[in-house]
Protein backbone atom coordinates (compact mmCIF):
# COMPACT_ATOMS: atom_id res chain seq x y z
CA UNK A 1 77.71 50.10 102.63
CA UNK A 2 78.05 53.60 104.04
CA UNK A 3 81.31 54.07 102.44
CA UNK A 4 79.95 53.19 99.27
CA UNK A 5 77.16 55.71 99.52
CA UNK A 6 79.71 58.61 100.83
CA UNK A 7 82.09 57.77 97.92
CA UNK A 8 79.12 58.12 95.44
CA UNK A 9 77.92 61.38 96.78
CA UNK A 10 81.45 62.69 96.80
CA UNK A 11 82.07 61.76 93.03
CA UNK A 12 85.37 60.40 91.45
CA UNK A 13 87.51 63.04 92.89
CA UNK A 14 90.77 63.34 94.99
CA UNK A 15 89.70 66.56 96.60
CA UNK A 16 88.99 66.19 100.41
CA UNK A 17 86.59 68.23 102.27
CA UNK A 18 89.22 70.44 103.84
CA UNK A 19 90.72 71.06 100.41
CA UNK A 20 87.46 71.99 99.04
CA UNK A 21 86.08 74.15 101.99
CA UNK A 22 89.33 76.06 102.63
CA UNK A 23 89.59 77.93 99.19
CA UNK A 24 85.82 78.33 99.12
CA UNK A 25 85.64 80.12 102.31
CA UNK A 26 89.03 81.95 101.45
CA UNK A 27 87.12 83.18 98.29
CA UNK A 28 84.01 84.32 100.21
CA UNK A 29 86.27 86.27 102.44
CA UNK A 30 88.23 87.98 99.73
CA UNK A 31 84.99 88.76 97.67
CA UNK A 32 83.38 90.38 100.63
CA UNK A 33 86.52 92.43 101.52
CA UNK A 34 86.75 93.55 97.76
CA UNK A 35 83.12 94.40 97.74
CA UNK A 36 83.77 96.56 100.65
CA UNK A 37 86.44 98.38 98.98
CA UNK A 38 84.44 99.03 95.57
CA UNK A 39 81.25 100.22 97.50
CA UNK A 40 83.38 102.48 99.50
CA UNK A 41 85.31 103.97 96.42
CA UNK A 42 82.38 104.06 93.99
CA UNK A 43 78.58 104.39 94.07
CA UNK A 44 77.17 100.92 93.12
CA UNK A 45 73.83 99.21 93.33
CA UNK A 46 73.23 96.60 96.06
CA UNK A 47 72.99 93.89 93.49
CA UNK A 48 76.33 94.66 91.89
CA UNK A 49 78.17 94.79 95.10
CA UNK A 50 76.44 91.29 96.11
CA UNK A 51 77.65 90.05 92.71
CA UNK A 52 81.24 91.04 93.53
CA UNK A 53 81.03 89.53 96.86
CA UNK A 54 79.90 85.89 95.57
CA UNK A 55 81.64 85.98 92.09
CA UNK A 56 85.09 84.71 93.41
CA UNK A 57 83.52 81.80 95.07
CA UNK A 58 81.63 80.95 91.89
CA UNK A 59 84.63 80.99 89.91
CA UNK A 60 86.60 79.15 92.54
CA UNK A 61 84.34 76.28 92.62
CA UNK A 62 84.11 76.18 88.87
CA UNK A 63 88.01 75.92 88.58
CA UNK A 64 88.04 73.35 91.10
CA UNK A 65 85.41 71.46 89.21
CA UNK A 66 87.25 71.24 85.78
CA UNK A 67 90.77 71.17 87.07
CA UNK A 68 92.76 69.01 84.79
CA UNK A 69 89.95 68.61 82.25
CA UNK A 70 90.75 70.82 79.30
CA UNK A 71 87.43 70.25 77.68
CA UNK A 72 85.26 71.30 80.57
CA UNK A 73 87.48 74.25 80.99
CA UNK A 74 86.79 75.35 77.26
CA UNK A 75 83.06 74.81 77.88
CA UNK A 76 83.02 76.98 80.96
CA UNK A 77 84.90 79.50 79.12
CA UNK A 78 82.26 79.69 76.35
CA UNK A 79 79.52 79.94 79.10
CA UNK A 80 81.36 83.00 80.65
CA UNK A 81 81.59 84.58 77.24
CA UNK A 82 77.70 84.10 76.48
CA UNK A 83 76.86 85.60 79.92
CA UNK A 84 79.07 88.63 78.96
CA UNK A 85 77.70 89.23 75.57
CA UNK A 86 73.95 88.68 76.69
CA UNK A 87 74.13 91.10 79.55
CA UNK A 88 73.87 94.96 79.25
CA UNK A 89 77.17 96.75 79.21
CA UNK A 90 78.56 98.44 82.22
CA UNK A 91 80.75 101.24 83.09
CA UNK A 92 84.43 100.96 82.93
CA UNK A 93 84.97 100.45 86.64
CA UNK A 94 82.16 97.71 86.95
CA UNK A 95 83.77 95.74 84.14
CA UNK A 96 87.26 96.10 85.63
CA UNK A 97 85.73 94.99 89.07
CA UNK A 98 84.27 92.01 87.72
CA UNK A 99 87.70 90.96 86.15
CA UNK A 100 89.37 91.39 89.60
CA UNK A 101 86.72 89.41 91.19
CA UNK A 102 87.16 86.53 88.67
CA UNK A 103 90.90 86.64 88.94
CA UNK A 104 90.85 86.23 92.48
CA UNK A 105 88.42 83.18 92.25
CA UNK A 106 90.85 81.58 89.66
CA UNK A 107 93.69 82.03 92.14
CA UNK A 108 91.85 80.63 95.02
CA UNK A 109 90.23 77.75 92.92
CA UNK A 110 94.03 76.95 91.52
CA UNK A 111 95.20 76.71 95.43
CA UNK A 112 96.87 79.99 95.53
CA UNK A 113 95.06 81.37 98.42
CA UNK A 114 98.08 83.47 99.77
CA UNK A 115 98.63 85.02 96.24
CA UNK A 116 94.83 85.80 95.94
CA UNK A 117 94.91 87.63 99.27
CA UNK A 118 98.01 89.42 98.30
CA UNK A 119 96.26 90.23 94.83
CA UNK A 120 93.22 91.83 96.59
CA UNK A 121 95.31 93.77 99.04
CA UNK A 122 97.43 95.30 96.18
CA UNK A 123 94.39 96.19 94.11
CA UNK A 124 92.50 97.84 97.34
CA UNK A 125 95.57 99.97 97.87
CA UNK A 126 96.02 100.88 94.41
CA UNK A 127 92.46 101.86 94.19
CA UNK A 128 92.91 104.02 97.31
CA UNK A 129 96.07 105.57 95.95
CA UNK A 130 94.58 106.42 92.52
CA UNK A 131 91.67 108.10 94.43
CA UNK A 132 93.74 110.01 96.66
CA UNK A 133 95.87 111.35 93.70
CA UNK A 134 92.63 112.02 91.74
CA UNK A 135 93.73 109.88 88.90
CA UNK A 136 91.38 109.88 86.00
CA UNK A 137 89.14 112.27 87.54
CA UNK A 138 87.47 115.14 85.80
CA UNK A 139 86.74 118.65 87.29
CA UNK A 140 83.08 117.80 87.40
CA UNK A 141 82.62 121.35 89.16
CA UNK A 142 83.50 123.04 85.99
CA UNK A 143 81.23 120.76 83.69
CA UNK A 144 77.69 122.26 83.52
CA UNK A 145 74.37 121.72 82.08
CA UNK A 146 72.86 125.09 80.76
CA UNK A 147 69.40 125.67 79.50
CA UNK A 148 68.46 128.98 78.13
CA UNK A 149 64.92 130.24 77.37
CA UNK A 150 64.70 132.60 74.29
CA UNK A 151 61.79 134.24 72.63
CA UNK A 152 60.75 132.79 69.40
CA UNK A 153 61.78 135.73 67.19
CA UNK A 154 65.31 135.57 68.44
CA UNK A 155 67.62 133.64 66.05
CA UNK A 156 69.92 131.61 68.45
CA UNK A 157 72.37 130.38 65.93
CA UNK A 158 75.58 132.00 67.07
CA UNK A 159 74.06 134.58 69.39
CA UNK A 160 75.84 133.23 72.51
CA UNK A 161 79.26 132.43 70.78
CA UNK A 162 81.09 135.30 72.28
CA UNK A 163 79.58 134.82 75.58
CA UNK A 164 80.89 131.37 75.79
CA UNK A 165 84.13 132.24 74.32
CA UNK A 166 84.51 134.46 77.15
CA UNK A 167 83.24 132.30 79.94
CA UNK A 168 83.78 128.61 78.78
CA UNK A 169 86.64 126.67 77.76
CA UNK A 170 84.12 124.38 75.60
CA UNK A 171 80.37 124.32 74.95
CA UNK A 172 77.93 122.38 72.91
CA UNK A 173 74.49 122.62 71.92
CA UNK A 174 72.79 119.46 72.80
CA UNK A 175 69.06 120.10 72.06
CA UNK A 176 66.36 122.66 70.92
CA UNK A 177 62.86 122.43 71.60
CA UNK A 178 59.84 124.91 71.54
CA UNK A 179 57.65 125.72 74.41
CA UNK A 180 54.73 127.85 75.61
CA UNK A 181 52.79 127.26 72.36
CA UNK A 182 55.79 128.07 70.25
CA UNK A 183 56.23 131.40 71.87
CA UNK A 184 59.68 130.60 73.25
CA UNK A 185 62.70 128.23 72.46
CA UNK A 186 64.52 126.10 75.18
CA UNK A 187 68.25 125.53 74.39
CA UNK A 188 70.18 122.88 76.28
CA UNK A 189 73.98 123.11 76.19
CA UNK A 190 76.80 121.28 77.72
CA UNK A 191 79.56 123.58 78.83
CA UNK A 192 82.87 123.77 80.76
CA UNK A 193 83.53 126.91 82.52
CA UNK A 194 86.98 128.55 82.74
CA UNK A 195 88.49 128.40 86.21
CA UNK A 196 88.74 132.06 86.40
CA UNK A 197 85.10 132.95 85.53
CA UNK A 198 81.93 132.54 87.70
CA UNK A 199 78.32 131.35 87.25
CA UNK A 200 76.76 134.54 88.01
CA UNK A 201 78.97 136.41 85.48
CA UNK A 202 77.84 133.89 82.65
CA UNK A 203 74.23 134.16 83.65
CA UNK A 204 74.33 137.88 83.68
CA UNK A 205 75.70 138.23 80.20
CA UNK A 206 73.27 135.52 78.72
CA UNK A 207 69.95 137.56 80.53
CA UNK A 208 71.27 140.66 78.59
CA UNK A 209 70.71 138.58 75.35
CA UNK A 210 67.76 136.39 75.99
CA UNK A 211 65.43 139.07 77.32
CA UNK A 212 65.73 138.05 81.03
CA UNK A 213 63.73 134.84 80.69
CA UNK A 214 64.61 131.53 82.34
CA UNK A 215 68.15 130.27 82.70
CA UNK A 216 69.13 126.95 84.49
CA UNK A 217 72.68 125.94 85.26
CA UNK A 218 73.60 122.71 86.82
CA UNK A 219 76.54 120.56 87.53
CA UNK A 220 76.92 117.36 85.28
CA UNK A 221 77.37 114.22 87.21
CA UNK A 222 79.41 111.49 85.43
CA UNK A 223 77.64 108.19 84.65
CA UNK A 224 79.45 106.18 87.37
CA UNK A 225 78.35 108.67 90.03
CA UNK A 226 74.74 108.78 89.03
CA UNK A 227 74.16 105.05 88.69
CA UNK A 228 72.77 103.40 91.97
């Protein structure tokens, strides 16, 4: 009687308790380690880091559940596709981290626990290596947000072009708006300073043209750095 109840609860499967728990706990550990590495290298929200930690376990259990069933595997793949397209797009690093977490879950779910551990170890070392050599990093200290206030009677079209050509390697006017009951214009630029120039030299040249009105210069942070 008890054996029949136990068999019913276990379902029609040849997977033992040990065979089930070992991949699950392995995926939990690997997910936790990868989440720690990602949080150390990137600024991420608490919910996203928590998702990275549990995602390998979820994928592991799903893979063990559909093992050998092609129809169920196709259905699960479709479900993952729906979740992906219904969710808000993330940064490149976030999407890559999700794929890494899913890949480790796939490996543990298929029983390749050692390979999953090696995979996470290699990915972690590669992330630290790329960070050390600065691969893909922009010189964000040279990218600036410049806000200039000019009087209403000053035609701003091209008036700062020679100044920008002297002090910047690139510049772009992002927005223009009026302020002070239309008495002044506020110009918003995105610029990249030349390595051999200084912020003060740029501001001094602009002050000579905008009547010594307000000038604001600040560093532009990348999207991945500002998202919490």
